[in-house]
Amino acid sequence: MTIDWASTMAAVWRQRKEVLRPVSNTDPIGLDELLGIDSQKQQMIRNTERFLAGKSANNALLWGSRGTGKSSLIKALLNTYKSSNLRLIEVDKQDLVYLPEIVDDIRALPQRFIIYCDDLSFEANDTQYKSLKSVLEGSVELPPENVLVYATSNRRHLMPEQMRDNLDTRQVDGEVHYSDTVEEKISLSDRFGLRLAFYPQNSDTYLAIVDRLFLHTGPDCRKTLHKAALDFAHRHASKSGRTARQFFNTFSGTVFE
């Protein structure tokens, strides 16, 4: 299937058919809806704007706690800059082996592409990350200047780190020399020039997100709304933007609105 990237904003890779499928109904989330991550947001905006302007920009790894806005930030960037020729291709971890072929098909196009890998992590014996490495830094051929990789993960180094990996690490002349195993694991995340941490949100940020979702709740109901939202968060053991959205999905259109 040939995609008309002039009118298509995003696509997903379908492994069984080995084809990119255009996405017609993208998540409409905007940057102003993402609260509590201002620093991460500004750094991603700056990096993306440099990329769109044809300047040097970095592949980005957004890592940290679940539900804190990592994936939403990437989707919001697409919505903000799609009129500036930004496009997005989502590729699952198990499909990374197809990444070089996907990139070959878009490297000569005028659009600027974000390869989006959500919830990216590898186990100790995985080899799928090698295809990703070649796109991040190239091999004999340099990586295309119109492609960046934006990935999200719960792991800082993308691969599991065990205590035994550090047994051969030593210090020489005041410098840490990591074991070969640790070097291999760190080397993948090192290929992301922009690495941003996302931490659990506090109660104030969580309630601010709830307030933004329940825009039509009057001041008389606000205290009751907040108590219900906090109770919901405690039951789910998470005060995140994702939890706030789930609370909204459960109680929108009820007494709170």
Protein backbone atom coordinates (compact mmCIF):
# COMPACT_ATOMS: atom_id res chain seq x y z
CA MET A 1 0.00 0.00 0.00
CA THR A 2 1.36 3.39 -1.02
CA ILE A 3 0.64 6.11 1.52
CA ASP A 4 -0.07 9.69 0.50
CA TRP A 5 1.94 11.43 3.19
CA ALA A 6 0.64 14.82 2.06
CA SER A 7 -2.73 13.93 3.58
CA THR A 8 -1.81 11.13 6.02
CA MET A 9 -0.49 12.27 9.39
CA ALA A 10 0.31 8.90 10.97
CA ALA A 11 0.62 5.20 10.18
CA VAL A 12 1.16 1.95 12.06
CA TRP A 13 3.17 -1.06 10.91
CA ARG A 14 1.18 -4.27 10.49
CA GLN A 15 3.49 -7.26 10.71
CA ARG A 16 1.26 -9.94 9.23
CA LYS A 17 0.70 -8.01 5.99
CA GLU A 18 4.12 -6.32 6.20
CA VAL A 19 2.58 -2.98 5.37
CA LEU A 20 2.08 0.47 6.83
CA ARG A 21 -1.58 1.18 7.54
CA PRO A 22 -2.67 4.84 7.51
CA VAL A 23 -4.29 6.07 10.74
CA SER A 24 -7.41 8.11 10.10
CA ASN A 25 -8.49 8.70 13.71
CA THR A 26 -5.52 9.93 15.75
CA ASP A 27 -5.64 10.86 19.44
CA PRO A 28 -6.51 14.59 19.48
CA ILE A 29 -4.62 15.40 22.70
CA GLY A 30 -2.94 18.81 22.83
CA LEU A 31 0.20 20.01 24.56
CA ASP A 32 -1.79 22.33 26.84
CA GLU A 33 -3.62 19.32 28.27
CA LEU A 34 -0.42 17.81 29.67
CA LEU A 35 0.18 19.07 33.20
CA GLY A 36 3.09 18.55 35.58
CA ILE A 37 5.68 17.85 32.87
CA ASP A 38 6.57 21.37 31.77
CA SER A 39 10.33 20.81 31.60
CA GLN A 40 10.02 17.61 29.58
CA LYS A 41 7.47 19.27 27.32
CA GLN A 42 9.70 22.26 26.56
CA GLN A 43 12.71 20.07 25.79
CA MET A 44 10.69 17.92 23.41
CA ILE A 45 9.20 20.99 21.72
CA ARG A 46 12.66 22.48 21.19
CA ASN A 47 14.08 19.22 19.83
CA THR A 48 11.13 18.72 17.48
CA GLU A 49 11.25 22.28 16.19
CA ARG A 50 14.96 21.91 15.46
CA PHE A 51 14.20 18.71 13.58
CA LEU A 52 11.49 20.39 11.51
CA ALA A 53 13.82 23.29 10.72
CA GLY A 54 16.44 20.91 9.34
CA LYS A 55 18.82 21.52 12.22
CA SER A 56 20.60 18.86 14.25
CA ALA A 57 18.22 17.11 16.66
CA ASN A 58 18.33 14.08 18.92
CA ASN A 59 16.52 10.79 19.10
CA ALA A 60 14.54 10.88 22.35
CA LEU A 61 13.93 8.31 25.09
CA LEU A 62 11.12 9.18 27.50
CA TRP A 63 11.43 6.87 30.48
CA GLY A 64 9.87 6.56 33.91
CA SER A 65 6.67 5.88 35.78
CA ARG A 66 3.61 4.55 34.03
CA GLY A 67 0.78 6.91 33.13
CA THR A 68 2.82 10.10 33.49
CA GLY A 69 2.33 11.45 29.96
CA LYS A 70 5.22 9.96 27.99
CA SER A 71 3.15 8.61 25.11
CA SER A 72 0.66 11.48 25.26
CA LEU A 73 3.48 13.98 24.81
CA ILE A 74 4.60 12.37 21.56
CA LYS A 75 1.03 12.27 20.25
CA ALA A 76 0.52 15.91 21.22
CA LEU A 77 3.66 16.90 19.31
CA LEU A 78 2.21 15.32 16.18
CA ASN A 79 -1.03 17.27 16.61
CA THR A 80 0.88 20.50 17.14
CA TYR A 81 3.29 20.18 14.22
CA LYS A 82 1.47 18.10 11.61
CA SER A 83 0.80 21.25 9.61
CA SER A 84 4.60 21.77 9.57
CA ASN A 85 5.14 18.46 7.75
CA LEU A 86 5.66 16.31 10.86
CA ARG A 87 4.51 12.71 10.43
CA LEU A 88 4.50 9.73 12.80
CA ILE A 89 5.00 6.00 12.22
CA GLU A 90 4.32 3.64 15.13
CA VAL A 91 6.34 0.42 15.22
CA ASP A 92 5.97 -2.21 17.94
CA LYS A 93 9.03 -3.71 19.57
CA GLN A 94 8.53 -7.10 17.92
CA ASP A 95 8.48 -5.40 14.51
CA LEU A 96 11.78 -3.55 14.85
CA VAL A 97 13.37 -6.05 12.47
CA TYR A 98 11.39 -4.29 9.71
CA LEU A 99 12.64 -0.85 10.72
CA PRO A 100 15.44 -0.55 8.12
CA GLU A 101 12.98 -1.32 5.31
CA ILE A 102 10.42 1.14 6.69
CA VAL A 103 13.06 3.85 6.84
CA ASP A 104 14.30 3.08 3.32
CA ASP A 105 10.83 3.85 1.97
CA ILE A 106 10.63 7.31 3.56
CA ARG A 107 14.20 8.61 3.57
CA ALA A 108 13.78 10.53 0.28
CA LEU A 109 10.39 12.06 1.12
CA PRO A 110 9.97 15.78 1.94
CA GLN A 111 8.13 15.11 5.21
CA ARG A 112 9.87 14.76 8.58
CA PHE A 113 9.14 11.45 10.31
CA ILE A 114 9.06 10.38 13.94
CA ILE A 115 9.42 6.62 14.39
CA TYR A 116 7.40 6.04 17.56
CA CYS A 117 8.16 2.99 19.74
CA ASP A 118 5.89 2.77 22.76
CA ASP A 119 6.71 0.82 25.93
CA LEU A 120 10.10 -0.18 24.60
CA SER A 121 12.22 -2.62 26.59
CA PHE A 122 14.27 -5.71 25.93
CA GLU A 123 15.05 -8.85 27.86
CA ALA A 124 18.55 -10.13 28.36
CA ASN A 125 18.56 -12.43 25.33
CA ASP A 126 16.69 -10.15 22.91
CA THR A 127 18.46 -9.26 19.67
CA GLN A 128 15.69 -7.09 18.19
CA TYR A 129 17.38 -3.94 19.46
CA LYS A 130 20.13 -4.34 16.83
CA SER A 131 17.79 -3.11 14.07
CA LEU A 132 16.99 -0.10 16.20
CA LYS A 133 20.69 0.65 16.71
CA SER A 134 21.28 0.83 12.96
CA VAL A 135 18.52 3.41 12.54
CA LEU A 136 19.67 5.45 15.53
CA GLU A 137 23.26 5.80 14.40
CA GLY A 138 23.51 4.22 10.98
CA SER A 139 25.85 1.51 9.77
CA VAL A 140 27.79 1.90 6.54
CA GLU A 141 25.05 4.32 5.49
CA LEU A 142 24.27 7.32 7.65
CA PRO A 143 20.78 7.47 9.20
CA PRO A 144 18.36 9.61 7.15
CA GLU A 145 18.17 13.27 8.11
CA ASN A 146 14.36 13.28 7.91
CA VAL A 147 13.85 10.53 10.53
CA LEU A 148 14.06 10.57 14.34
CA VAL A 149 13.15 7.89 16.86
CA TYR A 150 11.00 8.84 19.86
CA ALA A 151 10.61 5.94 22.30
CA THR A 152 8.92 5.49 25.66
CA SER A 153 9.93 2.99 28.32
CA ASN A 154 9.61 2.18 31.99
CA ARG A 155 13.34 1.33 32.01
CA ARG A 156 16.09 3.91 31.91
CA HIS A 157 18.49 1.64 30.01
CA LEU A 158 15.80 -0.32 28.11
CA MET A 159 17.36 -3.62 29.16
CA PRO A 160 17.26 -5.37 32.56
CA GLU A 161 20.18 -4.72 34.86
CA GLN A 162 21.12 -7.36 37.41
CA MET A 163 23.53 -7.18 40.30
CA ARG A 164 25.84 -9.79 38.77
CA ASP A 165 26.31 -7.55 35.71
CA ASN A 166 28.32 -5.19 37.90
CA LEU A 167 30.73 -7.77 39.33
CA ASP A 168 33.41 -7.00 36.74
CA THR A 169 33.02 -3.24 37.00
CA ARG A 170 36.12 -1.59 38.41
CA GLN A 171 37.59 1.81 39.11
CA VAL A 172 40.86 2.84 37.45
CA ASP A 173 42.52 6.18 38.19
CA GLY A 174 39.27 7.54 39.57
CA GLU A 175 37.22 6.55 36.50
CA VAL A 176 34.54 3.85 36.46
CA HIS A 177 35.14 1.11 33.88
CA TYR A 178 31.96 -0.87 33.44
CA SER A 179 31.87 -4.57 32.67
CA ASP A 180 31.25 -5.62 29.07
CA THR A 181 27.72 -6.70 30.00
CA VAL A 182 26.85 -3.33 31.49
CA GLU A 183 28.46 -1.48 28.57
CA GLU A 184 26.30 -3.43 26.12
CA LYS A 185 23.13 -2.60 28.00
CA ILE A 186 23.90 1.07 28.46
CA SER A 187 25.06 1.49 24.86
CA LEU A 188 21.52 1.28 23.49
CA SER A 189 20.08 4.06 25.65
CA ASP A 190 23.22 6.12 25.00
CA ARG A 191 22.17 6.34 21.36
CA PHE A 192 19.26 8.54 22.43
CA GLY A 193 20.76 12.01 22.72
CA LEU A 194 17.72 13.29 24.61
CA ARG A 195 16.75 11.20 27.64
CA LEU A 196 13.94 12.56 29.81
CA ALA A 197 12.74 11.15 33.13
CA PHE A 198 9.06 11.13 34.11
CA TYR A 199 8.29 10.79 37.81
CA PRO A 200 5.06 9.98 39.69
CA GLN A 201 2.77 12.99 39.96
CA ASN A 202 1.73 14.47 43.28
CA SER A 203 -1.82 15.02 44.49
CA ASP A 204 -1.96 18.67 43.38
CA THR A 205 -0.99 17.82 39.80
CA TYR A 206 -3.36 14.86 39.73
CA LEU A 207 -6.27 17.02 40.92
CA ALA A 208 -5.35 19.76 38.41
CA ILE A 209 -5.69 17.17 35.64
CA VAL A 210 -9.05 16.07 37.07
CA ASP A 211 -10.22 19.70 37.15
CA ARG A 212 -9.25 20.13 33.51
CA LEU A 213 -11.26 17.08 32.54
CA PHE A 214 -14.31 18.11 34.60
CA LEU A 215 -14.51 21.65 33.23
CA HIS A 216 -18.23 22.02 33.89
CA THR A 217 -18.14 21.04 37.54
CA GLY A 218 -19.32 23.93 39.71
CA PRO A 219 -17.42 25.20 42.74
CA ASP A 220 -19.98 23.64 45.11
CA CYS A 221 -19.15 20.16 43.81
CA ARG A 222 -15.40 20.63 43.54
CA LYS A 223 -14.56 19.38 47.05
CA THR A 224 -16.68 16.26 46.56
CA LEU A 225 -15.11 15.72 43.15
CA HIS A 226 -11.60 15.92 44.58
CA LYS A 227 -12.37 13.47 47.36
CA ALA A 228 -13.85 10.99 44.90
CA ALA A 229 -10.85 11.43 42.58
CA LEU A 230 -8.36 10.82 45.39
CA ASP A 231 -10.29 7.76 46.58
CA PHE A 232 -10.20 6.45 43.00
CA ALA A 233 -6.45 7.06 42.81
CA HIS A 234 -5.83 5.26 46.10
CA ARG A 235 -7.75 2.22 44.89
CA HIS A 236 -5.66 2.17 41.73
CA ALA A 237 -2.40 2.96 43.57
CA SER A 238 -1.60 5.70 41.09
CA LYS A 239 -2.03 9.47 40.88
CA SER A 240 -1.28 9.85 37.20
CA GLY A 241 -2.80 11.46 34.16
CA ARG A 242 -3.92 8.03 33.02
CA THR A 243 -5.72 7.45 36.32
CA ALA A 244 -7.37 10.88 36.04
CA ARG A 245 -8.62 9.97 32.57
CA GLN A 246 -9.97 6.65 33.86
CA PHE A 247 -11.73 8.48 36.68
CA PHE A 248 -13.28 10.83 34.11
CA ASN A 249 -14.39 7.91 31.94
CA THR A 250 -16.08 6.40 34.99
CA PHE A 251 -17.84 9.49 36.36
CA SER A 252 -18.35 11.93 33.47
CA GLY A 253 -21.98 12.85 33.01
CA THR A 254 -22.80 12.10 36.66
CA VAL A 255 -23.47 14.37 39.62
CA PHE A 256 -20.02 15.95 39.18
CA GLU A 257 -21.06 17.68 35.95
